[in-house]
Amino acid sequence: MAALTIRNLPDDVRDRLRVRAAQHGRSIEAEARAILTEACAEPAKMSLAEVQQWVDRLYANKKPKRVVEDLIAERRREARSDERESRRT
């Protein structure tokens, strides 16, 4: 099984999670696991055909190769930004 660490969780969210866990007679970890399991079990709000139509509209004016190149360029910009940020601290 996988482990998940959640950083920068606001104190008020943690407190509400603690109350919710107590109401259900579970630990905070068990409550978070139940919430995530339930959220991921919800059926898709869009059909596969609707998703495909959305993707087609999104990329209508781009060639597939250009989409990939744009995503790679965006990730590289994010990495450079993250690197600059880490150097400041």
C-alpha atoms as a PDB file:
ATOM      1  CA  MET A   1       0.000   0.000   0.000  1.00  0.00           C
ATOM      2  CA  ALA A   2       1.104   3.534  -0.660  1.00  0.00           C
ATOM      3  CA  ALA A   3       1.845   6.220   1.900  1.00  0.00           C
ATOM      4  CA  LEU A   4       0.818   9.847   1.452  1.00  0.00           C
ATOM      5  CA  THR A   5       2.188  12.916   3.210  1.00  0.00           C
ATOM      6  CA  ILE A   6       0.146  16.110   3.110  1.00  0.00           C
ATOM      7  CA  ARG A   7       2.201  19.228   3.690  1.00  0.00           C
ATOM      8  CA  ASN A   8       0.942  22.718   4.505  1.00  0.00           C
ATOM      9  CA  LEU A   9      -2.461  21.539   5.675  1.00  0.00           C
ATOM     10  CA  PRO A  10      -4.121  24.531   7.342  1.00  0.00           C
ATOM     11  CA  ASP A  11      -4.708  24.128  11.071  1.00  0.00           C
ATOM     12  CA  ASP A  12      -8.440  24.705  10.720  1.00  0.00           C
ATOM     13  CA  VAL A  13      -8.709  21.880   8.180  1.00  0.00           C
ATOM     14  CA  ARG A  14      -6.800  19.570  10.512  1.00  0.00           C
ATOM     15  CA  ASP A  15      -9.100  20.552  13.373  1.00  0.00           C
ATOM     16  CA  ARG A  16     -12.243  19.905  11.324  1.00  0.00           C
ATOM     17  CA  LEU A  17     -10.810  16.574  10.209  1.00  0.00           C
ATOM     18  CA  ARG A  18     -10.148  15.667  13.841  1.00  0.00           C
ATOM     19  CA  VAL A  19     -13.773  16.481  14.771  1.00  0.00           C
ATOM     20  CA  ARG A  20     -15.128  14.547  11.802  1.00  0.00           C
ATOM     21  CA  ALA A  21     -12.936  11.551  12.695  1.00  0.00           C
ATOM     22  CA  ALA A  22     -14.210  11.616  16.273  1.00  0.00           C
ATOM     23  CA  GLN A  23     -17.803  11.732  15.060  1.00  0.00           C
ATOM     24  CA  HIS A  24     -17.184   8.588  13.010  1.00  0.00           C
ATOM     25  CA  GLY A  25     -15.150   6.870  15.730  1.00  0.00           C
ATOM     26  CA  ARG A  26     -11.981   6.787  13.625  1.00  0.00           C
ATOM     27  CA  SER A  27      -8.460   8.106  13.802  1.00  0.00           C
ATOM     28  CA  ILE A  28      -7.594  11.183  11.742  1.00  0.00           C
ATOM     29  CA  GLU A  29      -5.637   8.962   9.362  1.00  0.00           C
ATOM     30  CA  ALA A  30      -8.555   6.535   8.950  1.00  0.00           C
ATOM     31  CA  GLU A  31     -10.931   9.445   8.353  1.00  0.00           C
ATOM     32  CA  ALA A  32      -8.667  10.958   5.705  1.00  0.00           C
ATOM     33  CA  ARG A  33      -8.387   7.544   4.055  1.00  0.00           C
ATOM     34  CA  ALA A  34     -12.188   7.173   4.053  1.00  0.00           C
ATOM     35  CA  ILE A  35     -12.665  10.647   2.575  1.00  0.00           C
ATOM     36  CA  LEU A  36     -10.124  10.013  -0.194  1.00  0.00           C
ATOM     37  CA  THR A  37     -11.558   6.579  -0.958  1.00  0.00           C
ATOM     38  CA  GLU A  38     -15.071   7.993  -1.220  1.00  0.00           C
ATOM     39  CA  ALA A  39     -13.958  10.945  -3.363  1.00  0.00           C
ATOM     40  CA  CYS A  40     -12.123   8.674  -5.791  1.00  0.00           C
ATOM     41  CA  ALA A  41     -14.998   6.209  -5.999  1.00  0.00           C
ATOM     42  CA  GLU A  42     -17.444   8.771  -7.391  1.00  0.00           C
ATOM     43  CA  PRO A  43     -18.492   8.029 -10.949  1.00  0.00           C
ATOM     44  CA  ALA A  44     -17.086  10.281 -13.642  1.00  0.00           C
ATOM     45  CA  LYS A  45     -19.150  13.401 -14.134  1.00  0.00           C
ATOM     46  CA  MET A  46     -18.446  13.346 -17.873  1.00  0.00           C
ATOM     47  CA  SER A  47     -18.776  10.481 -20.278  1.00  0.00           C
ATOM     48  CA  LEU A  48     -15.762   9.363 -22.257  1.00  0.00           C
ATOM     49  CA  ALA A  49     -17.282  10.923 -25.378  1.00  0.00           C
ATOM     50  CA  GLU A  50     -17.720  14.256 -23.548  1.00  0.00           C
ATOM     51  CA  VAL A  51     -14.127  14.162 -22.347  1.00  0.00           C
ATOM     52  CA  GLN A  52     -12.933  13.468 -25.900  1.00  0.00           C
ATOM     53  CA  GLN A  53     -15.003  16.390 -27.232  1.00  0.00           C
ATOM     54  CA  TRP A  54     -13.532  18.657 -24.568  1.00  0.00           C
ATOM     55  CA  VAL A  55      -9.980  17.576 -25.447  1.00  0.00           C
ATOM     56  CA  ASP A  56     -10.690  18.021 -29.157  1.00  0.00           C
ATOM     57  CA  ARG A  57     -11.958  21.578 -28.558  1.00  0.00           C
ATOM     58  CA  LEU A  58      -9.037  22.364 -26.281  1.00  0.00           C
ATOM     59  CA  TYR A  59      -6.450  21.313 -28.836  1.00  0.00           C
ATOM     60  CA  ALA A  60      -8.404  22.146 -32.017  1.00  0.00           C
ATOM     61  CA  ASN A  61      -5.858  24.667 -33.260  1.00  0.00           C
ATOM     62  CA  LYS A  62      -2.736  22.750 -32.247  1.00  0.00           C
ATOM     63  CA  LYS A  63      -0.984  19.870 -33.846  1.00  0.00           C
ATOM     64  CA  PRO A  64      -0.462  16.957 -31.411  1.00  0.00           C
ATOM     65  CA  LYS A  65       3.325  17.345 -31.531  1.00  0.00           C
ATOM     66  CA  ARG A  66       2.992  21.016 -30.597  1.00  0.00           C
ATOM     67  CA  VAL A  67       0.807  20.123 -27.601  1.00  0.00           C
ATOM     68  CA  VAL A  68       3.516  17.825 -26.251  1.00  0.00           C
ATOM     69  CA  GLU A  69       6.207  20.423 -26.912  1.00  0.00           C
ATOM     70  CA  ASP A  70       4.152  23.058 -25.110  1.00  0.00           C
ATOM     71  CA  LEU A  71       3.642  20.777 -22.090  1.00  0.00           C
ATOM     72  CA  ILE A  72       7.374  20.018 -21.928  1.00  0.00           C
ATOM     73  CA  ALA A  73       8.224  23.722 -22.176  1.00  0.00           C
ATOM     74  CA  GLU A  74       5.727  24.540 -19.435  1.00  0.00           C
ATOM     75  CA  ARG A  75       7.189  21.891 -17.125  1.00  0.00           C
ATOM     76  CA  ARG A  76      10.714  23.196 -17.766  1.00  0.00           C
ATOM     77  CA  ARG A  77       9.591  26.726 -16.879  1.00  0.00           C
ATOM     78  CA  GLU A  78       8.026  25.415 -13.669  1.00  0.00           C
ATOM     79  CA  ALA A  79      11.228  23.533 -12.799  1.00  0.00           C
ATOM     80  CA  ARG A  80      13.349  26.646 -13.357  1.00  0.00           C
ATOM     81  CA  SER A  81      10.969  28.679 -11.224  1.00  0.00           C
ATOM     82  CA  ASP A  82      11.072  26.037  -8.464  1.00  0.00           C
ATOM     83  CA  GLU A  83      14.869  26.019  -8.630  1.00  0.00           C
ATOM     84  CA  ARG A  84      15.073  29.819  -8.320  1.00  0.00           C
ATOM     85  CA  GLU A  85      12.640  29.696  -5.403  1.00  0.00           C
ATOM     86  CA  SER A  86      14.676  27.062  -3.584  1.00  0.00           C
ATOM     87  CA  ARG A  87      17.848  29.126  -3.993  1.00  0.00           C
ATOM     88  CA  ARG A  88      16.176  32.080  -2.266  1.00  0.00           C
ATOM     89  CA  THR A  89      15.477  30.074   0.870  1.00  0.00           C
END
